[in-house]
C-alpha atoms as a PDB file:
ATOM      1  CA  MET A   1       7.131 -13.653 -38.561  1.00  0.00           C
ATOM      2  CA  LYS A   2      10.141 -15.820 -39.194  1.00  0.00           C
ATOM      3  CA  ASN A   3      12.703 -15.250 -42.106  1.00  0.00           C
ATOM      4  CA  TYR A   4      11.356 -16.259 -45.510  1.00  0.00           C
ATOM      5  CA  MET A   5      14.426 -18.245 -46.312  1.00  0.00           C
ATOM      6  CA  ASN A   6      17.016 -20.580 -44.390  1.00  0.00           C
ATOM      7  CA  ARG A   7      20.079 -18.662 -43.824  1.00  0.00           C
ATOM      8  CA  TRP A   8      22.139 -21.348 -45.630  1.00  0.00           C
ATOM      9  CA  VAL A   9      20.016 -21.273 -48.401  1.00  0.00           C
ATOM     10  CA  LEU A  10      20.305 -17.450 -48.381  1.00  0.00           C
ATOM     11  CA  LEU A  11      24.313 -17.543 -48.620  1.00  0.00           C
ATOM     12  CA  ALA A  12      24.103 -20.174 -51.176  1.00  0.00           C
ATOM     13  CA  LEU A  13      21.852 -17.760 -53.512  1.00  0.00           C
ATOM     14  CA  LYS A  14      24.055 -15.121 -53.098  1.00  0.00           C
ATOM     15  CA  ALA A  15      27.227 -17.223 -53.844  1.00  0.00           C
ATOM     16  CA  ILE A  16      25.701 -18.181 -57.448  1.00  0.00           C
ATOM     17  CA  VAL A  17      24.954 -14.547 -58.101  1.00  0.00           C
ATOM     18  CA  ILE A  18      28.341 -13.549 -57.144  1.00  0.00           C
ATOM     19  CA  LEU A  19      29.537 -16.398 -59.439  1.00  0.00           C
ATOM     20  CA  VAL A  20      27.434 -15.297 -62.389  1.00  0.00           C
ATOM     21  CA  TRP A  21      28.279 -11.568 -62.063  1.00  0.00           C
ATOM     22  CA  LEU A  22      31.948 -12.526 -62.234  1.00  0.00           C
ATOM     23  CA  ALA A  23      31.297 -14.686 -65.055  1.00  0.00           C
ATOM     24  CA  CYS A  24      29.573 -11.731 -66.598  1.00  0.00           C
ATOM     25  CA  LEU A  25      32.332  -9.509 -65.832  1.00  0.00           C
ATOM     26  CA  TRP A  26      35.159 -12.019 -67.448  1.00  0.00           C
ATOM     27  CA  GLY A  27      32.940 -12.328 -70.222  1.00  0.00           C
ATOM     28  CA  GLN A  28      33.193  -8.574 -70.677  1.00  0.00           C
ATOM     29  CA  LEU A  29      36.787  -8.114 -70.431  1.00  0.00           C
ATOM     30  CA  LEU A  30      38.252 -10.998 -72.256  1.00  0.00           C
ATOM     31  CA  ALA A  31      35.546 -13.430 -74.021  1.00  0.00           C
ATOM     32  CA  VAL A  32      33.248 -10.910 -76.200  1.00  0.00           C
ATOM     33  CA  PRO A  33      36.679  -8.986 -76.946  1.00  0.00           C
ATOM     34  CA  GLY A  34      38.589 -12.094 -78.208  1.00  0.00           C
ATOM     35  CA  SER A  35      35.433 -13.946 -79.834  1.00  0.00           C
ATOM     36  CA  SER A  36      34.463 -11.014 -81.462  1.00  0.00           C
ATOM     37  CA  GLY A  37      37.528 -10.555 -83.143  1.00  0.00           C
ATOM     38  CA  ALA A  38      37.645 -14.423 -84.048  1.00  0.00           C
ATOM     39  CA  LEU A  39      34.256 -13.975 -85.607  1.00  0.00           C
ATOM     40  CA  ALA A  40      35.515 -11.246 -87.590  1.00  0.00           C
ATOM     41  CA  GLY A  41      38.516 -12.666 -88.752  1.00  0.00           C
ATOM     42  CA  LEU A  42      36.668 -15.873 -90.317  1.00  0.00           C
ATOM     43  CA  CYS A  43      35.265 -13.619 -92.970  1.00  0.00           C
ATOM     44  CA  PRO A  44      37.531 -10.943 -94.062  1.00  0.00           C
ATOM     45  CA  SER A  45      34.650  -9.129 -96.045  1.00  0.00           C
ATOM     46  CA  GLN A  46      33.062  -8.757 -92.490  1.00  0.00           C
ATOM     47  CA  THR A  47      35.910  -7.181 -90.366  1.00  0.00           C
ATOM     48  CA  SER A  48      33.883  -4.092 -89.864  1.00  0.00           C
ATOM     49  CA  MET A  49      31.445  -6.302 -88.158  1.00  0.00           C
ATOM     50  CA  HIS A  50      33.917  -6.581 -85.290  1.00  0.00           C
ATOM     51  CA  TRP A  51      33.361  -3.459 -83.345  1.00  0.00           C
ATOM     52  CA  SER A  52      29.387  -4.183 -83.718  1.00  0.00           C
ATOM     53  CA  TYR A  53      29.874  -7.748 -82.188  1.00  0.00           C
ATOM     54  CA  LEU A  54      31.944  -6.351 -79.299  1.00  0.00           C
ATOM     55  CA  ILE A  55      28.995  -3.594 -78.500  1.00  0.00           C
ATOM     56  CA  ILE A  56      26.285  -6.052 -78.723  1.00  0.00           C
ATOM     57  CA  GLY A  57      27.798  -8.828 -76.551  1.00  0.00           C
ATOM     58  CA  VAL A  58      28.920  -6.143 -74.051  1.00  0.00           C
ATOM     59  CA  LEU A  59      25.779  -4.787 -73.553  1.00  0.00           C
ATOM     60  CA  PHE A  60      23.913  -8.263 -73.465  1.00  0.00           C
ATOM     61  CA  LEU A  61      26.179  -8.828 -70.498  1.00  0.00           C
ATOM     62  CA  LEU A  62      25.494  -5.333 -68.839  1.00  0.00           C
ATOM     63  CA  CYS A  63      21.920  -6.285 -68.985  1.00  0.00           C
ATOM     64  CA  ILE A  64      22.304  -9.635 -67.199  1.00  0.00           C
ATOM     65  CA  GLU A  65      24.365  -8.053 -64.796  1.00  0.00           C
ATOM     66  CA  ALA A  66      21.673  -5.184 -64.432  1.00  0.00           C
ATOM     67  CA  ALA A  67      18.979  -7.945 -63.595  1.00  0.00           C
ATOM     68  CA  PHE A  68      21.277  -9.372 -61.161  1.00  0.00           C
ATOM     69  CA  VAL A  69      21.422  -6.304 -59.144  1.00  0.00           C
ATOM     70  CA  ALA A  70      17.938  -6.863 -58.316  1.00  0.00           C
ATOM     71  CA  VAL A  71      18.025 -10.343 -57.639  1.00  0.00           C
ATOM     72  CA  TRP A  72      20.576  -8.884 -55.081  1.00  0.00           C
ATOM     73  CA  LYS A  73      18.271  -6.769 -53.522  1.00  0.00           C
ATOM     74  CA  LEU A  74      15.703  -9.425 -53.300  1.00  0.00           C
ATOM     75  CA  PHE A  75      17.901 -11.595 -51.654  1.00  0.00           C
ATOM     76  CA  SER A  76      18.828  -8.679 -49.150  1.00  0.00           C
ATOM     77  CA  LEU A  77      15.287  -8.485 -48.260  1.00  0.00           C
ATOM     78  CA  SER A  78      14.323 -11.587 -47.632  1.00  0.00           C
ATOM     79  CA  GLY A  79      17.392 -12.277 -45.284  1.00  0.00           C
ATOM     80  CA  SER A  80      16.146  -9.055 -43.363  1.00  0.00           C
ATOM     81  CA  GLY A  81      13.927 -10.802 -41.128  1.00  0.00           C
ATOM     82  CA  ALA A  82      12.174  -8.038 -40.397  1.00  0.00           C
ATOM     83  CA  ASN A  83       9.309  -8.776 -37.769  1.00  0.00           C
ATOM     84  CA  LEU A  84       5.821  -7.346 -39.271  1.00  0.00           C
ATOM     85  CA  SER A  85       2.977  -7.808 -36.536  1.00  0.00           C
ATOM     86  CA  ARG A  86      -0.124  -6.605 -37.124  1.00  0.00           C
END
């Protein structure tokens, strides 16, 4: 049985997954803390929400990263080229 995907398509999809993972990492380290501080600063009465925004944002991006682990495993399986004979 042939490979399920073309080698170049598989490499392009893996590159996209890596870019999305790096974007999530950037978001967790820089964008979410900055935006949560900015959102809390817009309304001084809601300053305590800074930590809630931060935690929710980081957990959301962590869920996306966890989903991409499964996608990466699927790409690894489809590129294995295992010969299945009957």
